[in-house]
Amino acid sequence: MAPSALLKMEKLLLTWISDKQAKGDNANSTLIRQKATRIFDDLKEDEENCQVEFSASKDWFDKFKLRTGIHLVVRHGESASADIQAAGSSVSEFARIIEELEGA
């Protein structure tokens, strides 16, 4: 069983990721791993006799994604900065143009 500091860190990290997603902010693996380290360090300071070591390695992050399902919310590269609303209006505009061409 994982030590309580690790469990608390992952729970707080998920809350932070959800908040970032709700705000429309990017949450890439580097940023998430940095935040995990900061959260864990803060929790470790608060727990007496905590001897657990934590490294927000790529391996840890990959397992964290599998455990929590965040692979659905982590965005990378251009897709992270894409304007979803503009893309939707472009699709609508394209459909309108196609309809006009078909009707002509």
Protein backbone atom coordinates (compact mmCIF):
# COMPACT_ATOMS: atom_id res chain seq x y z
CA MET A 1 0.00 0.00 0.00
CA ALA A 2 1.28 3.45 -0.87
CA PRO A 3 2.26 5.74 2.02
CA SER A 4 -0.28 8.38 2.94
CA ALA A 5 1.85 11.28 1.64
CA LEU A 6 1.86 9.71 -1.84
CA LEU A 7 -1.88 9.08 -1.78
CA LYS A 8 -2.60 12.63 -0.61
CA MET A 9 -0.25 14.06 -3.23
CA GLU A 10 -1.99 12.20 -6.06
CA LYS A 11 -5.41 13.27 -4.83
CA LEU A 12 -4.33 16.91 -4.62
CA LEU A 13 -2.63 16.64 -7.99
CA LEU A 14 -5.83 15.35 -9.60
CA THR A 15 -7.73 18.29 -8.11
CA TRP A 16 -5.13 20.68 -9.50
CA ILE A 17 -5.30 19.06 -12.96
CA SER A 18 -9.12 19.26 -12.95
CA ASP A 19 -8.92 22.92 -12.00
CA LYS A 20 -6.44 23.65 -14.81
CA GLN A 21 -8.66 21.82 -17.29
CA ALA A 22 -11.77 23.71 -16.15
CA LYS A 23 -9.92 27.00 -16.69
CA GLY A 24 -8.82 25.87 -20.16
CA ASP A 25 -5.16 25.93 -19.17
CA ASN A 26 -2.60 23.53 -20.59
CA ALA A 27 -1.44 20.64 -18.41
CA ASN A 28 1.47 18.84 -20.03
CA SER A 29 3.53 16.07 -18.45
CA THR A 30 6.43 18.33 -17.45
CA LEU A 31 4.15 20.77 -15.64
CA ILE A 32 2.23 17.97 -13.92
CA ARG A 33 5.43 16.25 -12.79
CA GLN A 34 6.80 19.53 -11.39
CA LYS A 35 3.56 20.17 -9.52
CA ALA A 36 3.57 16.60 -8.14
CA THR A 37 7.07 17.15 -6.73
CA ARG A 38 6.10 20.45 -5.09
CA ILE A 39 2.93 18.99 -3.56
CA PHE A 40 4.78 15.94 -2.25
CA ASP A 41 7.56 18.05 -0.74
CA ASP A 42 4.99 20.19 1.08
CA LEU A 43 3.16 17.13 2.40
CA LYS A 44 6.36 15.44 3.49
CA GLU A 45 7.29 18.48 5.58
CA ASP A 46 3.92 18.25 7.34
CA GLU A 47 4.17 14.53 8.16
CA GLU A 48 6.34 13.53 11.07
CA ASN A 49 8.87 10.76 10.42
CA CYS A 50 7.97 10.49 6.73
CA GLN A 51 10.77 8.44 5.22
CA VAL A 52 9.19 8.05 1.80
CA GLU A 53 11.13 9.27 -1.21
CA PHE A 54 9.35 10.37 -4.35
CA SER A 55 10.54 11.11 -7.84
CA ALA A 56 8.10 12.41 -10.42
CA SER A 57 9.80 10.38 -13.11
CA LYS A 58 8.39 9.60 -16.53
CA ASP A 59 7.73 6.06 -15.30
CA TRP A 60 5.76 7.36 -12.30
CA PHE A 61 3.81 9.70 -14.57
CA ASP A 62 2.94 6.92 -17.02
CA LYS A 63 1.63 4.75 -14.16
CA PHE A 64 -0.22 7.73 -12.66
CA LYS A 65 -1.98 8.28 -15.99
CA LEU A 66 -3.03 4.63 -16.10
CA ARG A 67 -4.28 4.66 -12.51
CA THR A 68 -6.24 7.87 -12.85
CA GLY A 69 -7.25 8.06 -16.50
CA ILE A 70 -5.79 11.54 -16.98
CA HIS A 71 -4.51 10.56 -20.39
CA LEU A 72 -7.82 11.94 -21.57
CA VAL A 73 -7.11 15.43 -20.24
CA VAL A 74 -3.41 15.90 -20.77
CA ARG A 75 -2.88 17.92 -23.90
CA HIS A 76 0.36 18.39 -25.80
CA GLY A 77 1.78 20.66 -28.48
CA GLU A 78 -0.51 22.46 -30.88
CA SER A 79 -3.58 20.58 -29.70
CA ALA A 80 -3.06 22.13 -26.27
CA SER A 81 -3.23 25.64 -27.66
CA ALA A 82 -5.92 25.04 -30.27
CA ASP A 83 -8.92 27.36 -30.24
CA ILE A 84 -11.75 24.83 -30.01
CA GLN A 85 -14.48 27.43 -30.43
CA ALA A 86 -12.84 28.86 -33.58
CA ALA A 87 -12.39 25.36 -34.96
CA GLY A 88 -16.08 24.64 -34.43
CA SER A 89 -17.14 27.80 -36.25
CA SER A 90 -14.76 26.95 -39.11
CA VAL A 91 -16.43 23.56 -39.49
CA SER A 92 -19.85 25.22 -39.58
CA GLU A 93 -18.66 27.75 -42.14
CA PHE A 94 -17.16 24.98 -44.28
CA ALA A 95 -20.43 23.02 -44.17
CA ARG A 96 -22.36 26.14 -45.21
CA ILE A 97 -20.06 26.69 -48.20
CA ILE A 98 -20.41 23.05 -49.29
CA GLU A 99 -24.21 23.33 -49.10
CA GLU A 100 -24.13 26.47 -51.24
CA LEU A 101 -21.90 24.78 -53.84
CA GLU A 102 -24.11 21.70 -53.96
CA GLY A 103 -27.20 23.87 -54.41
CA ALA A 104 -25.66 25.85 -57.29
